[in-house]
């Protein structure tokens, strides 16, 4: 996607959505953190297990971590 900045320059950005989390991954996360995930966040994970929003080649973007990545970082 193209976004125009305040100086009138147009930059290219992208959004990437990960494949859905499995039910077992979500249950493992709930077990690890000791609480049930809110329904809206569970629906998000079942739709796309994390995403990268507004990625720019120089500036990066906003990352929403996947369930699998949460476990790989804590190991």
C-alpha atoms as a PDB file:
ATOM      1  CA  UNK A   1       0.000   0.000   0.000  1.00  0.00           C
ATOM      2  CA  UNK A   2       1.101   3.580  -0.555  1.00  0.00           C
ATOM      3  CA  UNK A   3       0.948   6.237   2.153  1.00  0.00           C
ATOM      4  CA  UNK A   4       1.705   9.905   1.638  1.00  0.00           C
ATOM      5  CA  UNK A   5       3.712  11.535   4.430  1.00  0.00           C
ATOM      6  CA  UNK A   6       3.353  15.122   5.670  1.00  0.00           C
ATOM      7  CA  UNK A   7       5.972  16.311   3.124  1.00  0.00           C
ATOM      8  CA  UNK A   8       3.943  14.927   0.227  1.00  0.00           C
ATOM      9  CA  UNK A   9       6.326  12.021  -0.406  1.00  0.00           C
ATOM     10  CA  UNK A  10       4.756   8.642  -1.058  1.00  0.00           C
ATOM     11  CA  UNK A  11       6.191   5.565   0.670  1.00  0.00           C
ATOM     12  CA  UNK A  12       5.389   1.899   0.140  1.00  0.00           C
ATOM     13  CA  UNK A  13       4.208  -0.159   3.126  1.00  0.00           C
ATOM     14  CA  UNK A  14       2.982  -3.729   3.474  1.00  0.00           C
ATOM     15  CA  UNK A  15       0.932  -5.777   5.920  1.00  0.00           C
ATOM     16  CA  UNK A  16       1.576  -9.496   6.505  1.00  0.00           C
ATOM     17  CA  UNK A  17      -0.734 -11.828   8.414  1.00  0.00           C
ATOM     18  CA  UNK A  18       0.487 -15.189   9.751  1.00  0.00           C
ATOM     19  CA  UNK A  19      -1.429 -18.480   9.382  1.00  0.00           C
ATOM     20  CA  UNK A  20      -3.973 -19.241  12.148  1.00  0.00           C
ATOM     21  CA  UNK A  21      -2.874 -20.578  15.538  1.00  0.00           C
ATOM     22  CA  UNK A  22      -3.919 -24.115  16.354  1.00  0.00           C
ATOM     23  CA  UNK A  23      -6.371 -24.779  19.154  1.00  0.00           C
ATOM     24  CA  UNK A  24      -3.618 -26.620  21.049  1.00  0.00           C
ATOM     25  CA  UNK A  25      -1.264 -23.596  20.741  1.00  0.00           C
ATOM     26  CA  UNK A  26      -3.941 -21.306  22.156  1.00  0.00           C
ATOM     27  CA  UNK A  27      -4.697 -23.737  24.997  1.00  0.00           C
ATOM     28  CA  UNK A  28      -0.967 -24.005  25.757  1.00  0.00           C
ATOM     29  CA  UNK A  29      -0.699 -20.210  25.907  1.00  0.00           C
ATOM     30  CA  UNK A  30      -3.658 -20.020  28.300  1.00  0.00           C
ATOM     31  CA  UNK A  31      -2.062 -22.706  30.469  1.00  0.00           C
ATOM     32  CA  UNK A  32       1.293 -20.879  30.487  1.00  0.00           C
ATOM     33  CA  UNK A  33      -0.173 -17.496  31.448  1.00  0.00           C
ATOM     34  CA  UNK A  34      -2.792 -18.935  33.802  1.00  0.00           C
ATOM     35  CA  UNK A  35      -5.816 -17.134  32.360  1.00  0.00           C
ATOM     36  CA  UNK A  36      -8.336 -17.589  29.556  1.00  0.00           C
ATOM     37  CA  UNK A  37      -7.667 -15.388  26.558  1.00  0.00           C
ATOM     38  CA  UNK A  38     -10.497 -12.902  25.833  1.00  0.00           C
ATOM     39  CA  UNK A  39     -12.811 -14.130  23.071  1.00  0.00           C
ATOM     40  CA  UNK A  40     -11.938 -11.312  20.649  1.00  0.00           C
ATOM     41  CA  UNK A  41      -8.195 -12.041  20.946  1.00  0.00           C
ATOM     42  CA  UNK A  42      -8.836 -15.793  20.618  1.00  0.00           C
ATOM     43  CA  UNK A  43     -10.785 -15.062  17.419  1.00  0.00           C
ATOM     44  CA  UNK A  44      -7.845 -12.985  16.153  1.00  0.00           C
ATOM     45  CA  UNK A  45      -5.390 -15.829  16.851  1.00  0.00           C
ATOM     46  CA  UNK A  46      -7.700 -18.342  15.171  1.00  0.00           C
ATOM     47  CA  UNK A  47      -7.851 -16.048  12.111  1.00  0.00           C
ATOM     48  CA  UNK A  48      -4.203 -14.948  11.949  1.00  0.00           C
ATOM     49  CA  UNK A  49      -1.585 -15.880  14.496  1.00  0.00           C
ATOM     50  CA  UNK A  50       0.109 -12.496  14.631  1.00  0.00           C
ATOM     51  CA  UNK A  51       0.871  -9.952  11.954  1.00  0.00           C
ATOM     52  CA  UNK A  52       3.205  -7.205  10.797  1.00  0.00           C
ATOM     53  CA  UNK A  53       1.444  -3.936  10.041  1.00  0.00           C
ATOM     54  CA  UNK A  54       2.689  -1.025   7.949  1.00  0.00           C
ATOM     55  CA  UNK A  55       6.126  -2.556   7.273  1.00  0.00           C
ATOM     56  CA  UNK A  56       8.536  -0.183   5.573  1.00  0.00           C
ATOM     57  CA  UNK A  57      11.899  -1.278   4.162  1.00  0.00           C
ATOM     58  CA  UNK A  58      13.777   1.392   6.157  1.00  0.00           C
ATOM     59  CA  UNK A  59      11.586   2.093   9.170  1.00  0.00           C
ATOM     60  CA  UNK A  60      10.145  -1.325  10.055  1.00  0.00           C
ATOM     61  CA  UNK A  61       6.575  -1.607  11.263  1.00  0.00           C
ATOM     62  CA  UNK A  62       4.277  -2.743  14.031  1.00  0.00           C
ATOM     63  CA  UNK A  63       4.541  -6.433  14.921  1.00  0.00           C
ATOM     64  CA  UNK A  64       1.904  -8.404  16.768  1.00  0.00           C
ATOM     65  CA  UNK A  65       3.639 -11.528  18.049  1.00  0.00           C
ATOM     66  CA  UNK A  66       2.391 -14.982  17.181  1.00  0.00           C
ATOM     67  CA  UNK A  67       1.692 -17.613  19.851  1.00  0.00           C
ATOM     68  CA  UNK A  68       4.508 -19.830  18.524  1.00  0.00           C
ATOM     69  CA  UNK A  69       6.988 -16.954  18.755  1.00  0.00           C
ATOM     70  CA  UNK A  70       5.985 -16.308  22.381  1.00  0.00           C
ATOM     71  CA  UNK A  71       7.001 -19.860  23.266  1.00  0.00           C
ATOM     72  CA  UNK A  72      10.261 -19.825  21.263  1.00  0.00           C
ATOM     73  CA  UNK A  73      11.380 -16.639  23.052  1.00  0.00           C
ATOM     74  CA  UNK A  74      10.670 -18.043  26.523  1.00  0.00           C
ATOM     75  CA  UNK A  75      12.565 -21.311  25.928  1.00  0.00           C
END
